[in-house]
């Protein structure tokens, strides 16, 4: 052993440990951290060299910057605070995988918008655009819960994606006309569900998100396929969502960690039954499309070149995004209003006037108090607080050459909540959404994009906004909602930030 005995090595190690014991804990931790940082730089020198000019926290061996998540903060908050410290473009390491964090609206424009859509498309400097990036982690992780018929899973905005978007029922020319017909039946349904929640609340506080999610799931079913399914179908849906959540959590560390399709027998059976159910729905509706659902309208009025399988997959695919994110937005809004009783009282006064005559789509959309409250809630607690993309090839961004297949986090949570664009940005102030603010910060704008930006923003967002507005207005006109003292913590579920811990009681308004 080159002149060193085992005994001398043991003695040397013992002396080193004794020296460390004599030092303050903070000094020891600092030395270990420095050693870990140096080790990371040396072992992954090839990767770190490519990103040496981009600021960010020092990565530790072997976990990179994942240590920052051990403080109990969700990743979108960690990435937002990183933007405060390092600016609009920074680096975050997930193990040995480098990820760019975008907290700058101009850079986000370049990633999510085409050159024609960008506010400065004629700039002489090189500007990336949507074609330089593709979807990676969510696309694979959520398959086959979302099938190839759903535009969300298309890697790029190519011809396949364009075909899926053009023929999607949410894109039909008569879609707004159809939504108008849904006001009355959905209002009746929501009022009926509110009365049931009041009865259930007589004996115990209810899990707020879960009961609102069930309301949204059943409301989506009634509107899109014309029926409310038995309760076990909702449970089946959440089985699929739980599998998707697990796959997303693992794939965020390394995409190779998940197979192309889930392997569990329980999942496979739930998936088979799920799609079989919508095959039967489609067959029944094709035989007699006489109802008022969206599926009925598409089969009667046409406009879509979807095959029967694609139409079945559309019906099955309405839920994975909307029936998770919409109830998150509704629950968060209700909780914020409970925490701000003056805002709630003012809104309910306006709602009493709104329902003095039959509600129409135009009157609902032009009810500014509802819109102010909804937008302020979506600003503070966006159901999707970040988006991801990958570089197709080597790409220039903010003066840096970014290697191919680099993961990118697009952090709308930062721009909604931490940006100086918003005065007193952490506070709930629906009144901030005056006429000027509403016009300058529309959905999909620089500092407000809860449904994404550009061509690949959520294709069902118009229906989601319609359903959230109608549900909030109808519920708050009908009932008082009291929440427990649980904090408004959000957890990651099927690609969505949801307030699962909240408990609520529903009481009929006098």
Protein backbone atom coordinates (compact mmCIF):
# COMPACT_ATOMS: atom_id res chain seq x y z
CA UNK A 1 0.00 0.00 0.00
CA UNK A 2 2.79 2.43 -1.04
CA UNK A 3 4.35 2.41 2.41
CA UNK A 4 1.09 3.12 4.30
CA UNK A 5 -0.23 0.47 6.62
CA UNK A 6 -3.87 -0.12 7.36
CA UNK A 7 -3.16 0.97 10.90
CA UNK A 8 -1.72 4.32 9.84
CA UNK A 9 -4.70 4.98 7.53
CA UNK A 10 -7.11 4.24 10.37
CA UNK A 11 -5.18 6.50 12.70
CA UNK A 12 -5.17 9.29 10.08
CA UNK A 13 -8.89 9.04 9.55
CA UNK A 14 -9.46 9.02 13.31
CA UNK A 15 -7.39 12.20 13.71
CA UNK A 16 -9.28 13.94 10.86
CA UNK A 17 -12.61 13.08 12.45
CA UNK A 18 -11.39 14.35 15.81
CA UNK A 19 -10.39 17.63 14.17
CA UNK A 20 -13.82 17.96 12.56
CA UNK A 21 -15.50 17.27 15.89
CA UNK A 22 -13.55 20.15 17.40
CA UNK A 23 -14.81 22.58 14.76
CA UNK A 24 -18.20 24.34 14.85
CA UNK A 25 -20.95 22.51 12.99
CA UNK A 26 -21.40 25.42 10.57
CA UNK A 27 -17.71 25.24 9.61
CA UNK A 28 -17.94 21.46 9.03
CA UNK A 29 -21.04 21.83 6.88
CA UNK A 30 -19.36 24.60 4.87
CA UNK A 31 -16.31 22.42 4.20
CA UNK A 32 -18.42 19.42 3.20
CA UNK A 33 -20.51 21.61 0.92
CA UNK A 34 -17.39 23.05 -0.73
CA UNK A 35 -15.99 19.55 -1.24
CA UNK A 36 -19.29 18.35 -2.73
CA UNK A 37 -19.41 21.31 -5.12
CA UNK A 38 -15.84 20.68 -6.29
CA UNK A 39 -16.56 16.99 -6.77
CA UNK A 40 -19.63 17.79 -8.91
CA UNK A 41 -17.65 20.19 -11.11
CA UNK A 42 -14.88 17.64 -11.68
CA UNK A 43 -17.02 14.57 -12.34
CA UNK A 44 -19.50 16.40 -14.59
CA UNK A 45 -17.02 18.85 -16.10
CA UNK A 46 -18.26 18.28 -19.66
CA UNK A 47 -21.83 19.22 -18.73
CA UNK A 48 -20.89 22.15 -16.49
CA UNK A 49 -18.55 23.67 -19.08
CA UNK A 50 -21.39 24.06 -21.58
CA UNK A 51 -23.35 26.17 -19.06
CA UNK A 52 -20.47 27.94 -17.32
CA UNK A 53 -21.70 31.44 -18.28
CA UNK A 54 -25.24 30.97 -16.92
CA UNK A 55 -25.77 31.92 -13.26
CA UNK A 56 -27.37 29.68 -10.68
CA UNK A 57 -26.84 28.03 -7.29
CA UNK A 58 -23.82 25.76 -6.98
CA UNK A 59 -24.73 22.08 -7.53
CA UNK A 60 -23.75 19.43 -4.98
CA UNK A 61 -22.55 15.92 -5.79
CA UNK A 62 -24.49 13.78 -6.62
CA UNK A 63 -27.89 15.53 -6.40
CA UNK A 64 -27.22 18.83 -8.14
CA UNK A 65 -29.63 21.50 -6.81
CA UNK A 66 -32.34 19.07 -5.71
CA UNK A 67 -31.23 19.79 -2.13
CA UNK A 68 -33.16 23.07 -2.38
CA UNK A 69 -36.42 21.09 -2.48
CA UNK A 70 -35.72 19.53 0.92
CA UNK A 71 -36.83 22.74 2.63
CA UNK A 72 -40.47 21.79 2.01
CA UNK A 73 -41.09 24.38 -0.70
CA UNK A 74 -42.63 23.24 -4.01
CA UNK A 75 -40.35 23.35 -7.03
CA UNK A 76 -42.17 26.32 -8.64
CA UNK A 77 -41.54 28.45 -5.56
CA UNK A 78 -37.87 27.40 -5.43
CA UNK A 79 -37.47 28.29 -9.11
CA UNK A 80 -39.27 31.60 -8.57
CA UNK A 81 -37.01 32.60 -5.69
CA UNK A 82 -34.03 31.56 -7.82
CA UNK A 83 -35.24 34.07 -10.41
CA UNK A 84 -35.23 36.81 -7.78
CA UNK A 85 -31.60 36.05 -7.01
CA UNK A 86 -30.16 35.20 -10.42
CA UNK A 87 -32.42 36.96 -12.92
CA UNK A 88 -34.52 35.93 -15.89
CA UNK A 89 -32.24 33.08 -17.02
CA UNK A 90 -30.61 30.75 -14.51
CA UNK A 91 -29.45 27.16 -14.13
CA UNK A 92 -30.91 24.41 -11.95
CA UNK A 93 -29.33 20.94 -11.83
CA UNK A 94 -31.51 17.84 -11.31
CA UNK A 95 -28.82 15.27 -10.47
CA UNK A 96 -26.40 15.64 -13.41
CA UNK A 97 -29.05 17.03 -15.77
CA UNK A 98 -28.88 20.80 -16.37
CA UNK A 99 -32.17 22.67 -16.63
CA UNK A 100 -32.68 26.29 -17.60
CA UNK A 101 -35.12 28.36 -15.54
CA UNK A 102 -36.90 31.18 -17.38
CA UNK A 103 -38.36 33.96 -15.26
CA UNK A 104 -38.22 36.60 -18.00
CA UNK A 105 -41.28 37.33 -20.21
CA UNK A 106 -39.20 38.07 -23.31
CA UNK A 107 -37.31 34.77 -23.08
CA UNK A 108 -40.57 32.92 -22.39
CA UNK A 109 -42.02 34.56 -25.50
CA UNK A 110 -39.19 33.12 -27.56
CA UNK A 111 -39.81 29.60 -26.26
CA UNK A 112 -43.62 29.55 -26.46
CA UNK A 113 -44.45 31.82 -29.40
CA UNK A 114 -43.69 31.70 -33.10
CA UNK A 115 -41.55 34.47 -34.60
CA UNK A 116 -44.70 36.12 -36.02
CA UNK A 117 -46.39 36.18 -32.60
CA UNK A 118 -43.49 37.78 -30.75
CA UNK A 119 -43.61 41.48 -29.92
CA UNK A 120 -40.21 42.08 -31.49
CA UNK A 121 -40.08 39.66 -34.47
CA UNK A 122 -37.96 41.99 -36.63
CA UNK A 123 -35.11 42.39 -34.15
CA UNK A 124 -31.66 42.02 -35.75
CA UNK A 125 -30.46 39.88 -32.87
CA UNK A 126 -30.98 36.12 -33.09
CA UNK A 127 -34.25 35.18 -31.41
CA UNK A 128 -35.31 31.64 -30.73
CA UNK A 129 -38.95 30.70 -31.32
CA UNK A 130 -41.41 27.91 -30.69
CA UNK A 131 -39.97 25.69 -33.45
CA UNK A 132 -36.69 25.38 -31.51
CA UNK A 133 -38.36 23.61 -28.58
CA UNK A 134 -40.48 20.54 -27.92
CA UNK A 135 -42.41 18.92 -25.06
CA UNK A 136 -40.66 16.14 -23.20
CA UNK A 137 -41.45 15.08 -19.62
CA UNK A 138 -45.24 15.63 -19.44
CA UNK A 139 -45.75 14.23 -22.93
CA UNK A 140 -44.26 10.86 -22.06
CA UNK A 141 -45.27 10.67 -18.41
CA UNK A 142 -48.97 11.26 -19.05
CA UNK A 143 -49.22 8.77 -21.86
CA UNK A 144 -51.28 6.67 -22.42
CA UNK A 145 -53.66 8.46 -20.02
CA UNK A 146 -53.59 11.14 -22.69
CA UNK A 147 -53.51 9.34 -26.01
CA UNK A 148 -51.89 10.32 -29.31
CA UNK A 149 -55.26 11.89 -30.26
CA UNK A 150 -54.74 14.68 -27.73
CA UNK A 151 -52.81 17.71 -29.03
CA UNK A 152 -51.02 18.00 -25.69
CA UNK A 153 -48.92 14.89 -26.36
CA UNK A 154 -47.60 16.02 -29.76
CA UNK A 155 -43.90 16.74 -29.36
CA UNK A 156 -43.83 19.73 -31.67
CA UNK A 157 -46.35 22.03 -33.36
CA UNK A 158 -46.05 20.17 -36.64
CA UNK A 159 -48.65 18.91 -39.12
CA UNK A 160 -49.89 16.17 -36.78
CA UNK A 161 -50.51 18.67 -33.99
CA UNK A 162 -52.19 21.10 -36.42
CA UNK A 163 -54.57 18.35 -37.57
CA UNK A 164 -55.50 17.50 -33.96
CA UNK A 165 -56.12 21.15 -33.08
CA UNK A 166 -58.15 21.92 -36.19
CA UNK A 167 -60.48 18.97 -35.62
CA UNK A 168 -60.78 19.20 -31.85
CA UNK A 169 -64.41 19.79 -30.77
CA UNK A 170 -63.27 22.71 -28.59
CA UNK A 171 -62.25 24.43 -31.83
CA UNK A 172 -65.50 24.10 -33.75
CA UNK A 173 -67.04 27.29 -35.16
CA UNK A 174 -70.22 26.66 -33.17
CA UNK A 175 -68.45 26.13 -29.83
CA UNK A 176 -69.61 29.41 -28.25
CA UNK A 177 -73.16 28.78 -29.44
CA UNK A 178 -73.00 25.39 -27.72
CA UNK A 179 -71.65 26.92 -24.48
CA UNK A 180 -74.66 29.26 -24.40
CA UNK A 181 -76.94 26.21 -24.29
CA UNK A 182 -75.05 24.82 -21.27
CA UNK A 183 -75.75 27.72 -18.91
CA UNK A 184 -79.15 26.53 -17.72
CA UNK A 185 -78.51 22.75 -17.30
CA UNK A 186 -75.15 23.31 -15.60
CA UNK A 187 -76.59 25.96 -13.30
CA UNK A 188 -79.32 23.55 -12.21
CA UNK A 189 -76.75 20.79 -11.72
CA UNK A 190 -74.40 22.99 -9.62
CA UNK A 191 -77.26 24.21 -7.43
CA UNK A 192 -78.36 20.61 -6.85
CA UNK A 193 -74.82 19.57 -5.97
CA UNK A 194 -74.51 22.55 -3.61
CA UNK A 195 -77.62 21.40 -1.73
CA UNK A 196 -76.13 17.90 -1.43
CA UNK A 197 -72.89 19.34 -0.04
CA UNK A 198 -74.86 21.34 2.51
CA UNK A 199 -76.48 18.12 3.73
CA UNK A 200 -73.14 16.28 3.86
CA UNK A 201 -71.64 19.18 5.83
CA UNK A 202 -74.14 18.81 8.67
CA UNK A 203 -72.04 16.10 10.33
CA UNK A 204 -68.46 16.84 9.28
CA UNK A 205 -66.10 19.14 7.43
CA UNK A 206 -65.59 17.95 3.86
CA UNK A 207 -62.33 17.64 1.89
CA UNK A 208 -62.73 20.82 -0.15
CA UNK A 209 -60.71 19.98 -3.25
CA UNK A 210 -62.09 16.45 -3.52
CA UNK A 211 -65.77 17.52 -3.44
CA UNK A 212 -65.14 20.37 -5.90
CA UNK A 213 -63.21 17.97 -8.13
CA UNK A 214 -66.16 15.56 -8.09
CA UNK A 215 -68.49 18.44 -8.96
CA UNK A 216 -66.22 19.43 -11.87
CA UNK A 217 -65.84 15.84 -13.07
CA UNK A 218 -69.60 15.33 -13.15
CA UNK A 219 -70.24 18.77 -14.66
CA UNK A 220 -67.71 18.11 -17.42
CA UNK A 221 -69.41 14.75 -18.09
CA UNK A 222 -72.86 16.31 -18.29
CA UNK A 223 -71.68 19.00 -20.71
CA UNK A 224 -69.41 16.99 -23.01
CA UNK A 225 -71.06 13.55 -23.20
CA UNK A 226 -74.51 14.21 -21.77
CA UNK A 227 -74.48 12.04 -18.64
CA UNK A 228 -73.18 11.81 -15.07
CA UNK A 229 -71.28 8.59 -14.44
CA UNK A 230 -71.49 6.38 -11.31
CA UNK A 231 -69.12 7.28 -8.49
CA UNK A 232 -66.73 4.40 -9.21
CA UNK A 233 -65.88 5.98 -12.60
CA UNK A 234 -64.58 9.04 -10.76
CA UNK A 235 -62.49 6.76 -8.53
CA UNK A 236 -61.20 5.00 -11.64
CA UNK A 237 -60.19 8.36 -13.09
CA UNK A 238 -58.17 9.23 -10.00
CA UNK A 239 -56.43 5.85 -10.19
CA UNK A 240 -55.19 6.87 -13.63
CA UNK A 241 -54.19 10.31 -12.32
CA UNK A 242 -52.24 8.82 -9.42
CA UNK A 243 -50.24 6.68 -11.86
CA UNK A 244 -49.56 9.73 -14.04
CA UNK A 245 -48.43 11.69 -10.99
CA UNK A 246 -45.96 9.00 -9.99
CA UNK A 247 -44.61 8.83 -13.54
CA UNK A 248 -44.17 12.60 -13.70
CA UNK A 249 -42.34 12.68 -10.38
CA UNK A 250 -39.90 9.99 -11.50
CA UNK A 251 -39.43 11.33 -15.02
CA UNK A 252 -38.56 14.80 -13.71
CA UNK A 253 -35.38 13.22 -12.32
CA UNK A 254 -34.66 11.08 -15.38
CA UNK A 255 -36.99 10.33 -18.29
CA UNK A 256 -35.53 6.84 -18.72
CA UNK A 257 -36.89 5.92 -15.29
CA UNK A 258 -40.39 5.41 -16.69
CA UNK A 259 -41.45 2.89 -19.35
CA UNK A 260 -43.43 4.10 -22.36
CA UNK A 261 -46.56 2.59 -20.80
CA UNK A 262 -47.35 1.89 -17.12
CA UNK A 263 -46.93 -1.77 -16.16
CA UNK A 264 -49.19 -2.17 -13.11
CA UNK A 265 -52.11 -4.60 -13.49
CA UNK A 266 -54.46 -2.37 -11.50
CA UNK A 267 -53.68 0.56 -13.76
CA UNK A 268 -54.06 -1.49 -16.95
CA UNK A 269 -57.49 -2.71 -15.92
CA UNK A 270 -58.62 0.78 -14.93
CA UNK A 271 -57.32 2.13 -18.26
CA UNK A 272 -59.09 -0.61 -20.25
CA UNK A 273 -62.40 0.07 -18.50
CA UNK A 274 -61.96 3.83 -18.88
CA UNK A 275 -61.60 3.78 -22.66
CA UNK A 276 -64.19 1.01 -23.07
CA UNK A 277 -66.71 3.24 -21.31
CA UNK A 278 -66.17 6.06 -23.80
CA UNK A 279 -66.34 3.66 -26.73
CA UNK A 280 -69.82 2.73 -25.51
CA UNK A 281 -70.74 6.39 -25.00
CA UNK A 282 -69.70 7.18 -28.57
CA UNK A 283 -71.62 4.23 -30.04
CA UNK A 284 -74.80 5.18 -28.15
CA UNK A 285 -74.58 8.84 -29.14
CA UNK A 286 -73.82 8.04 -32.78
CA UNK A 287 -77.03 5.99 -32.91
CA UNK A 288 -79.10 8.94 -31.63
CA UNK A 289 -77.30 12.30 -31.29
CA UNK A 290 -80.43 14.08 -30.09
CA UNK A 291 -79.10 15.49 -26.82
CA UNK A 292 -77.40 18.77 -26.05
CA UNK A 293 -73.89 17.59 -25.17
CA UNK A 294 -70.83 18.73 -27.10
CA UNK A 295 -70.50 15.23 -28.52
CA UNK A 296 -74.11 15.40 -29.76
CA UNK A 297 -73.43 18.74 -31.44
CA UNK A 298 -70.28 17.53 -33.19
CA UNK A 299 -71.98 14.38 -34.48
CA UNK A 300 -74.99 16.40 -35.72
CA UNK A 301 -73.26 19.47 -37.12
CA UNK A 302 -69.90 18.06 -38.20
CA UNK A 303 -66.79 20.13 -38.75
CA UNK A 304 -64.38 17.54 -37.36
CA UNK A 305 -62.49 14.94 -39.38
CA UNK A 306 -61.71 12.87 -36.30
CA UNK A 307 -61.99 9.11 -36.70
CA UNK A 308 -64.27 7.27 -34.24
CA UNK A 309 -61.20 6.31 -32.19
CA UNK A 310 -60.00 9.91 -32.08
CA UNK A 311 -63.45 11.14 -31.08
CA UNK A 312 -63.59 8.53 -28.32
CA UNK A 313 -60.17 9.65 -27.13
CA UNK A 314 -61.29 13.28 -27.16
CA UNK A 315 -64.20 12.42 -24.86
CA UNK A 316 -61.91 10.44 -22.54
CA UNK A 317 -59.25 13.16 -22.68
CA UNK A 318 -61.45 16.06 -21.54
CA UNK A 319 -60.94 15.02 -17.92
CA UNK A 320 -57.17 14.53 -17.36
CA UNK A 321 -56.41 18.23 -17.68
CA UNK A 322 -59.66 20.02 -16.93
CA UNK A 323 -61.08 17.88 -14.14
CA UNK A 324 -57.87 18.33 -12.13
CA UNK A 325 -56.91 21.95 -12.86
CA UNK A 326 -60.36 23.63 -12.94
CA UNK A 327 -61.35 22.37 -9.46
CA UNK A 328 -57.95 23.51 -8.17
CA UNK A 329 -58.67 27.03 -9.42
CA UNK A 330 -62.22 26.98 -8.01
CA UNK A 331 -61.13 25.68 -4.58
CA UNK A 332 -58.31 28.22 -4.30
CA UNK A 333 -60.69 31.05 -5.22
CA UNK A 334 -63.25 29.98 -2.61
CA UNK A 335 -60.57 29.74 0.06
CA UNK A 336 -59.12 33.17 -0.76
CA UNK A 337 -62.60 34.70 -0.54
CA UNK A 338 -63.18 33.04 2.83
CA UNK A 339 -59.92 34.62 4.03
CA UNK A 340 -61.09 38.03 2.75
CA UNK A 341 -64.72 38.41 3.93
CA UNK A 342 -65.10 41.97 2.64
CA UNK A 343 -64.26 40.85 -0.90
CA UNK A 344 -66.65 37.91 -0.51
CA UNK A 345 -69.49 40.11 0.75
CA UNK A 346 -69.05 42.56 -2.13
CA UNK A 347 -69.03 39.73 -4.67
CA UNK A 348 -72.15 38.07 -3.25
CA UNK A 349 -73.98 41.42 -3.41
CA UNK A 350 -73.16 41.61 -7.12
CA UNK A 351 -74.18 38.00 -7.66
CA UNK A 352 -77.58 38.63 -6.14
CA UNK A 353 -78.11 41.14 -8.94
CA UNK A 354 -76.66 38.84 -11.60
CA UNK A 355 -79.25 36.13 -10.92
CA UNK A 356 -82.29 38.42 -10.81
CA UNK A 357 -82.86 37.51 -14.46
CA UNK A 358 -81.95 34.41 -16.47
CA UNK A 359 -78.21 34.10 -16.91
CA UNK A 360 -76.66 34.24 -20.38
CA UNK A 361 -73.12 33.59 -21.57
CA UNK A 362 -72.62 37.27 -22.35
CA UNK A 363 -73.81 38.40 -18.92
CA UNK A 364 -71.62 35.80 -17.21
CA UNK A 365 -68.51 36.81 -19.16
CA UNK A 366 -69.21 40.50 -18.56
CA UNK A 367 -69.68 40.09 -14.82
CA UNK A 368 -66.53 42.02 -13.88
CA UNK A 369 -66.58 41.14 -10.13
CA UNK A 370 -66.48 37.41 -10.92
CA UNK A 371 -63.72 37.95 -13.47
CA UNK A 372 -61.68 40.07 -11.04
CA UNK A 373 -61.85 37.44 -8.32
CA UNK A 374 -61.06 34.58 -10.71
CA UNK A 375 -58.07 36.31 -12.29
CA UNK A 376 -56.64 37.35 -8.94
CA UNK A 377 -56.91 33.77 -7.71
CA UNK A 378 -55.31 32.38 -10.89
CA UNK A 379 -52.55 34.95 -10.50
CA UNK A 380 -51.73 33.90 -6.94
CA UNK A 381 -52.43 30.18 -7.23
CA UNK A 382 -52.20 29.15 -10.91
CA UNK A 383 -53.19 25.46 -11.15
CA UNK A 384 -50.25 24.99 -13.55
CA UNK A 385 -47.43 27.01 -11.94
CA UNK A 386 -44.74 26.08 -14.46
CA UNK A 387 -44.37 24.58 -17.93
CA UNK A 388 -41.53 22.59 -19.48
CA UNK A 389 -39.90 22.41 -22.89
CA UNK A 390 -36.72 20.91 -24.36
CA UNK A 391 -34.41 22.29 -27.01
CA UNK A 392 -34.72 20.48 -30.35
CA UNK A 393 -31.12 21.18 -31.35
CA UNK A 394 -28.40 23.58 -30.26
CA UNK A 395 -30.23 26.87 -29.75
CA UNK A 396 -29.28 30.48 -29.01
CA UNK A 397 -31.12 32.03 -26.08
CA UNK A 398 -30.22 35.29 -24.30
CA UNK A 399 -26.82 35.32 -25.98
CA UNK A 400 -25.95 31.78 -24.90
CA UNK A 401 -25.65 28.69 -27.06
CA UNK A 402 -27.82 26.07 -25.41
CA UNK A 403 -27.04 22.41 -26.19
CA UNK A 404 -29.63 20.13 -27.75
CA UNK A 405 -32.06 18.32 -25.43
CA UNK A 406 -31.72 20.82 -22.59
CA UNK A 407 -34.71 20.91 -20.28
CA UNK A 408 -36.35 24.30 -19.69
CA UNK A 409 -38.63 25.37 -16.85
CA UNK A 410 -41.00 28.23 -17.73
CA UNK A 411 -42.04 29.77 -14.44
CA UNK A 412 -45.33 31.63 -14.63
CA UNK A 413 -45.61 31.43 -10.83
CA UNK A 414 -42.71 33.90 -10.59
CA UNK A 415 -44.21 36.34 -13.10
CA UNK A 416 -47.64 36.11 -11.44
CA UNK A 417 -46.54 36.48 -7.85
CA UNK A 418 -42.93 37.66 -7.40
CA UNK A 419 -42.55 40.06 -10.29
CA UNK A 420 -42.45 43.83 -9.59
CA UNK A 421 -45.00 44.12 -12.42
CA UNK A 422 -47.66 43.59 -9.73
CA UNK A 423 -47.90 46.06 -6.85
CA UNK A 424 -48.05 44.31 -3.46
CA UNK A 425 -47.92 41.10 -5.46
CA UNK A 426 -48.39 38.62 -2.60
CA UNK A 427 -51.72 40.08 -1.49
CA UNK A 428 -55.21 39.13 -2.70
CA UNK A 429 -56.62 42.29 -4.28
CA UNK A 430 -59.38 41.57 -6.84
CA UNK A 431 -59.86 45.31 -7.25
CA UNK A 432 -56.42 45.58 -8.88
CA UNK A 433 -58.09 44.19 -12.02
CA UNK A 434 -59.57 47.48 -13.18
CA UNK A 435 -60.44 48.07 -16.85
CA UNK A 436 -56.87 49.03 -17.74
CA UNK A 437 -55.30 46.04 -15.95
CA UNK A 438 -57.80 43.62 -17.48
CA UNK A 439 -56.93 44.90 -20.96
CA UNK A 440 -53.16 44.90 -20.43
CA UNK A 441 -52.97 41.52 -18.69
CA UNK A 442 -55.26 39.26 -20.66
CA UNK A 443 -54.94 35.48 -20.54
CA UNK A 444 -51.70 34.49 -22.28
CA UNK A 445 -49.97 37.86 -21.83
CA UNK A 446 -46.45 38.51 -20.54
CA UNK A 447 -47.23 38.50 -16.82
CA UNK A 448 -50.41 36.42 -16.72
CA UNK A 449 -50.64 33.05 -18.43
CA UNK A 450 -52.28 30.46 -16.15
CA UNK A 451 -53.26 28.37 -19.21
CA UNK A 452 -49.96 28.80 -21.06
CA UNK A 453 -49.06 31.06 -23.99
CA UNK A 454 -49.06 30.86 -27.75
CA UNK A 455 -50.46 28.25 -30.08
CA UNK A 456 -49.82 25.41 -27.64
CA UNK A 457 -51.70 26.95 -24.73
CA UNK A 458 -54.44 24.78 -23.19
CA UNK A 459 -56.91 23.96 -25.99
CA UNK A 460 -59.80 23.63 -23.50
CA UNK A 461 -59.19 26.90 -21.66
CA UNK A 462 -62.34 28.63 -22.96
CA UNK A 463 -64.51 25.85 -21.56
CA UNK A 464 -62.47 25.76 -18.32
CA UNK A 465 -62.91 29.50 -17.77
CA UNK A 466 -66.62 29.24 -18.58
CA UNK A 467 -67.06 26.38 -16.10
CA UNK A 468 -65.07 28.11 -13.34
CA UNK A 469 -67.00 31.38 -13.74
CA UNK A 470 -70.36 29.60 -13.71
CA UNK A 471 -69.46 27.35 -10.76
CA UNK A 472 -68.13 30.22 -8.64
CA UNK A 473 -71.12 32.44 -9.39
CA UNK A 474 -73.69 29.71 -8.79
CA UNK A 475 -72.10 28.32 -5.61
CA UNK A 476 -71.50 31.69 -3.99
CA UNK A 477 -75.04 32.85 -4.76
CA UNK A 478 -76.40 29.67 -3.18
CA UNK A 479 -74.18 28.85 -0.18
CA UNK A 480 -71.74 30.15 2.39
CA UNK A 481 -68.51 28.14 2.52
CA UNK A 482 -66.53 27.96 5.74
CA UNK A 483 -62.99 26.57 5.72
CA UNK A 484 -61.00 25.06 8.56
CA UNK A 485 -57.68 26.46 9.78
CA UNK A 486 -55.53 24.37 7.43
CA UNK A 487 -52.85 26.33 5.54
CA UNK A 488 -53.25 26.80 1.80
CA UNK A 489 -50.52 24.31 0.92
CA UNK A 490 -50.34 23.07 -2.65
CA UNK A 491 -49.16 19.66 -3.77
CA UNK A 492 -48.27 18.33 -7.20
CA UNK A 493 -50.96 16.07 -8.69
CA UNK A 494 -51.07 15.02 -12.34
CA UNK A 495 -49.09 18.04 -13.48
CA UNK A 496 -51.28 20.40 -11.45
CA UNK A 497 -50.84 22.29 -8.17
CA UNK A 498 -53.82 21.40 -5.96
CA UNK A 499 -54.83 22.49 -2.40
CA UNK A 500 -55.54 19.02 -1.04
CA UNK A 501 -55.37 19.78 2.70
CA UNK A 502 -58.31 22.19 2.92
CA UNK A 503 -61.51 21.21 4.76
CA UNK A 504 -64.80 23.05 4.21
CA UNK A 505 -68.41 23.24 5.33
CA UNK A 506 -71.24 24.31 2.99
CA UNK A 507 -74.18 26.26 4.47
CA UNK A 508 -77.27 27.53 2.64
CA UNK A 509 -77.40 31.32 2.40
CA UNK A 510 -80.37 32.85 4.15
